[in-house]
N, C-alpha and C. Protein backbone atom coordinates (compact mmCIF):
# COMPACT_ATOMS: atom_id res chain seq x y z
N MET A 1 -26.53 12.08 -1.67
CA MET A 1 -26.92 13.34 -1.12
C MET A 1 -26.26 13.48 0.24
N GLY A 2 -25.66 14.62 0.47
CA GLY A 2 -25.02 14.87 1.74
C GLY A 2 -23.65 15.46 1.55
N TYR A 3 -22.79 15.30 2.55
CA TYR A 3 -21.46 15.90 2.54
C TYR A 3 -20.44 14.85 2.16
N GLY A 4 -19.53 15.19 1.25
CA GLY A 4 -18.48 14.26 0.90
C GLY A 4 -17.96 14.46 -0.49
N TRP A 5 -17.47 13.39 -1.08
CA TRP A 5 -16.87 13.41 -2.40
C TRP A 5 -17.80 12.75 -3.40
N GLY A 6 -17.60 13.07 -4.65
CA GLY A 6 -18.32 12.40 -5.72
C GLY A 6 -17.61 11.10 -6.08
N PRO A 7 -18.08 10.43 -7.10
CA PRO A 7 -17.41 9.19 -7.52
C PRO A 7 -16.02 9.51 -8.09
N PRO A 8 -15.12 8.54 -8.09
CA PRO A 8 -13.78 8.78 -8.61
C PRO A 8 -13.80 9.16 -10.09
N THR A 9 -12.82 9.98 -10.49
CA THR A 9 -12.75 10.41 -11.87
C THR A 9 -11.63 9.72 -12.64
N CYS A 10 -10.84 8.90 -11.97
CA CYS A 10 -9.78 8.16 -12.67
C CYS A 10 -9.68 6.75 -12.08
N TRP A 11 -8.94 5.91 -12.76
CA TRP A 11 -8.89 4.50 -12.37
C TRP A 11 -8.26 4.30 -11.00
N GLN A 12 -7.34 5.17 -10.60
CA GLN A 12 -6.69 5.01 -9.30
C GLN A 12 -7.69 5.13 -8.15
N GLY A 13 -8.66 6.01 -8.31
CA GLY A 13 -9.69 6.14 -7.28
C GLY A 13 -10.52 4.88 -7.13
N TRP A 14 -10.83 4.25 -8.26
CA TRP A 14 -11.59 3.00 -8.22
C TRP A 14 -10.77 1.88 -7.59
N VAL A 15 -9.45 1.90 -7.81
CA VAL A 15 -8.58 0.90 -7.19
C VAL A 15 -8.57 1.07 -5.68
N VAL A 16 -8.53 2.31 -5.21
CA VAL A 16 -8.55 2.56 -3.76
C VAL A 16 -9.86 2.06 -3.16
N ILE A 17 -10.97 2.32 -3.81
CA ILE A 17 -12.26 1.83 -3.30
C ILE A 17 -12.30 0.31 -3.30
N ALA A 18 -11.84 -0.31 -4.38
CA ALA A 18 -11.83 -1.78 -4.45
C ALA A 18 -10.95 -2.37 -3.36
N ALA A 19 -9.78 -1.78 -3.14
CA ALA A 19 -8.87 -2.28 -2.10
C ALA A 19 -9.51 -2.13 -0.72
N PHE A 20 -10.20 -1.02 -0.49
CA PHE A 20 -10.88 -0.80 0.78
C PHE A 20 -11.94 -1.88 1.02
N VAL A 21 -12.74 -2.17 0.01
CA VAL A 21 -13.80 -3.19 0.14
C VAL A 21 -13.19 -4.57 0.35
N VAL A 22 -12.14 -4.89 -0.39
CA VAL A 22 -11.49 -6.21 -0.25
C VAL A 22 -10.89 -6.35 1.15
N LEU A 23 -10.20 -5.31 1.63
CA LEU A 23 -9.60 -5.39 2.97
C LEU A 23 -10.65 -5.50 4.06
N GLN A 24 -11.78 -4.82 3.90
CA GLN A 24 -12.88 -4.97 4.86
C GLN A 24 -13.41 -6.40 4.85
N SER A 25 -13.57 -6.96 3.68
CA SER A 25 -14.08 -8.33 3.57
C SER A 25 -13.12 -9.33 4.19
N VAL A 26 -11.83 -9.16 3.93
CA VAL A 26 -10.82 -10.06 4.50
C VAL A 26 -10.81 -9.92 6.02
N GLY A 27 -10.89 -8.69 6.51
CA GLY A 27 -10.94 -8.48 7.96
C GLY A 27 -12.15 -9.14 8.59
N ALA A 28 -13.29 -9.01 7.95
CA ALA A 28 -14.51 -9.65 8.47
C ALA A 28 -14.39 -11.17 8.43
N LEU A 29 -13.82 -11.68 7.36
CA LEU A 29 -13.68 -13.13 7.21
C LEU A 29 -12.81 -13.74 8.31
N PHE A 30 -11.71 -13.07 8.63
CA PHE A 30 -10.77 -13.64 9.60
C PHE A 30 -11.05 -13.25 11.04
N LEU A 31 -11.71 -12.12 11.28
CA LEU A 31 -11.88 -11.65 12.65
C LEU A 31 -13.27 -11.89 13.24
N LEU A 32 -14.26 -12.03 12.40
CA LEU A 32 -15.62 -12.25 12.94
C LEU A 32 -15.92 -13.74 12.94
N PRO A 33 -16.70 -14.26 13.80
CA PRO A 33 -17.46 -13.65 14.88
C PRO A 33 -16.73 -13.66 16.23
N ASP A 34 -15.48 -14.11 16.27
CA ASP A 34 -14.82 -14.30 17.56
C ASP A 34 -14.16 -13.05 18.13
N LYS A 35 -13.57 -12.23 17.30
CA LYS A 35 -12.74 -11.11 17.77
C LYS A 35 -13.37 -9.78 17.40
N HIS A 36 -14.40 -9.39 18.13
CA HIS A 36 -15.13 -8.16 17.81
C HIS A 36 -14.26 -6.91 18.02
N GLY A 37 -13.48 -6.90 19.07
CA GLY A 37 -12.62 -5.74 19.34
C GLY A 37 -11.57 -5.56 18.26
N ALA A 38 -10.95 -6.66 17.85
CA ALA A 38 -9.95 -6.58 16.79
C ALA A 38 -10.59 -6.16 15.47
N PHE A 39 -11.79 -6.64 15.21
CA PHE A 39 -12.50 -6.25 13.99
C PHE A 39 -12.80 -4.75 14.00
N LEU A 40 -13.28 -4.24 15.12
CA LEU A 40 -13.57 -2.81 15.24
C LEU A 40 -12.30 -1.98 15.05
N ALA A 41 -11.20 -2.42 15.64
CA ALA A 41 -9.93 -1.70 15.48
C ALA A 41 -9.47 -1.74 14.02
N CYS A 42 -9.60 -2.88 13.39
CA CYS A 42 -9.21 -3.03 11.98
C CYS A 42 -10.05 -2.11 11.10
N MET A 43 -11.36 -2.08 11.30
CA MET A 43 -12.23 -1.23 10.49
C MET A 43 -11.96 0.25 10.75
N THR A 44 -11.62 0.60 11.98
CA THR A 44 -11.28 1.99 12.31
C THR A 44 -10.03 2.42 11.56
N VAL A 45 -9.01 1.57 11.55
CA VAL A 45 -7.77 1.87 10.84
C VAL A 45 -8.03 1.97 9.34
N LEU A 46 -8.79 1.02 8.79
CA LEU A 46 -9.09 1.05 7.36
C LEU A 46 -9.87 2.30 6.96
N LEU A 47 -10.88 2.64 7.74
CA LEU A 47 -11.70 3.81 7.42
C LEU A 47 -10.90 5.10 7.55
N THR A 48 -10.07 5.18 8.59
CA THR A 48 -9.23 6.37 8.75
C THR A 48 -8.27 6.51 7.57
N GLY A 49 -7.67 5.41 7.16
CA GLY A 49 -6.79 5.45 6.01
C GLY A 49 -7.51 5.82 4.72
N PHE A 50 -8.70 5.26 4.53
CA PHE A 50 -9.49 5.55 3.33
C PHE A 50 -9.86 7.03 3.27
N ILE A 51 -10.35 7.57 4.37
CA ILE A 51 -10.72 8.99 4.40
C ILE A 51 -9.48 9.86 4.22
N GLY A 52 -8.35 9.45 4.82
CA GLY A 52 -7.11 10.19 4.66
C GLY A 52 -6.66 10.25 3.21
N ILE A 53 -6.74 9.13 2.51
CA ILE A 53 -6.37 9.11 1.08
C ILE A 53 -7.33 9.98 0.27
N CYS A 54 -8.62 9.91 0.59
CA CYS A 54 -9.59 10.74 -0.13
C CYS A 54 -9.32 12.23 0.08
N ARG A 55 -8.99 12.61 1.30
CA ARG A 55 -8.70 14.03 1.58
C ARG A 55 -7.38 14.47 0.95
N TRP A 56 -6.40 13.57 0.93
CA TRP A 56 -5.08 13.91 0.40
C TRP A 56 -5.09 14.02 -1.12
N LYS A 57 -5.70 13.04 -1.80
CA LYS A 57 -5.62 12.97 -3.25
C LYS A 57 -6.86 13.50 -3.97
N GLY A 58 -7.97 13.59 -3.29
CA GLY A 58 -9.22 13.97 -3.95
C GLY A 58 -9.48 15.46 -3.90
N GLU A 59 -10.58 15.84 -4.54
CA GLU A 59 -11.03 17.22 -4.47
C GLU A 59 -11.53 17.52 -3.07
N SER A 60 -11.75 18.78 -2.77
CA SER A 60 -12.27 19.14 -1.45
C SER A 60 -13.69 18.61 -1.31
N PRO A 61 -14.02 18.02 -0.16
CA PRO A 61 -15.39 17.54 0.02
C PRO A 61 -16.34 18.73 0.09
N SER A 62 -17.58 18.50 -0.33
CA SER A 62 -18.57 19.57 -0.31
C SER A 62 -19.97 18.96 -0.15
N TRP A 63 -20.92 19.85 0.07
CA TRP A 63 -22.31 19.41 0.16
C TRP A 63 -22.79 19.08 -1.24
N ARG A 64 -23.44 17.94 -1.39
CA ARG A 64 -23.95 17.49 -2.68
C ARG A 64 -25.45 17.22 -2.54
N TRP A 65 -26.22 18.07 -3.17
CA TRP A 65 -27.67 17.94 -3.11
C TRP A 65 -28.18 17.51 -4.46
N VAL A 66 -29.12 16.61 -4.46
CA VAL A 66 -29.74 16.15 -5.69
C VAL A 66 -31.01 16.96 -5.90
N PRO A 67 -31.09 17.70 -7.02
CA PRO A 67 -32.32 18.47 -7.25
C PRO A 67 -33.50 17.54 -7.51
N PRO A 68 -34.69 17.95 -7.17
CA PRO A 68 -35.85 17.09 -7.40
C PRO A 68 -36.04 16.85 -8.90
N SER A 69 -36.45 15.66 -9.21
CA SER A 69 -36.65 15.27 -10.60
C SER A 69 -37.89 15.96 -11.16
N PRO A 70 -37.78 16.56 -12.35
CA PRO A 70 -38.97 17.19 -12.94
C PRO A 70 -40.04 16.17 -13.34
N LEU A 71 -39.66 14.91 -13.47
CA LEU A 71 -40.64 13.88 -13.82
C LEU A 71 -41.69 13.73 -12.73
N PHE A 72 -41.27 13.83 -11.48
CA PHE A 72 -42.20 13.63 -10.38
C PHE A 72 -42.92 14.92 -10.00
N SER A 73 -42.26 16.04 -10.07
CA SER A 73 -42.89 17.28 -9.64
C SER A 73 -43.99 17.73 -10.60
N SER A 74 -43.88 17.38 -11.89
CA SER A 74 -44.91 17.80 -12.84
C SER A 74 -46.17 16.94 -12.75
N LYS A 75 -46.08 15.77 -12.17
CA LYS A 75 -47.24 14.87 -12.09
C LYS A 75 -48.05 15.07 -10.81
N ILE A 76 -47.63 15.97 -9.96
CA ILE A 76 -48.37 16.22 -8.73
C ILE A 76 -49.52 17.18 -9.04
N ASP A 77 -50.72 16.76 -8.70
CA ASP A 77 -51.88 17.60 -8.92
C ASP A 77 -51.99 18.57 -7.75
N LYS A 78 -51.68 19.83 -8.00
CA LYS A 78 -51.65 20.81 -6.92
C LYS A 78 -53.02 21.41 -6.64
N THR A 79 -54.03 21.03 -7.41
CA THR A 79 -55.37 21.56 -7.18
C THR A 79 -56.10 20.75 -6.11
N ARG A 80 -55.70 19.51 -5.91
CA ARG A 80 -56.34 18.67 -4.90
C ARG A 80 -55.67 18.88 -3.55
N PRO A 81 -56.43 18.89 -2.49
CA PRO A 81 -55.82 19.07 -1.15
C PRO A 81 -55.04 17.82 -0.75
N ASP A 82 -54.04 18.04 0.05
CA ASP A 82 -53.22 16.94 0.54
C ASP A 82 -54.02 16.11 1.53
N PRO A 83 -54.14 14.79 1.32
CA PRO A 83 -54.96 13.96 2.22
C PRO A 83 -54.34 13.75 3.58
N PHE A 84 -53.09 14.12 3.75
CA PHE A 84 -52.43 13.88 5.05
C PHE A 84 -52.40 15.11 5.84
């Protein structure tokens, strides 16, 4: 829920996500706990690149709202007052 993209629709999108996660993990493994500044710079570059690829190759980002589930809304007893 919120602003952004949906899940990838083709295998290339999943590869980009997997590469992003692997590169973050490698950066954390080699740069933490000693080099916090280098880690922050590395994550900034990775995130900027990831968002850039998403904007370049993906659909336009939009607001994505999840409608309330009818399973929960039908079970609420509206005749009783709210205790809160």
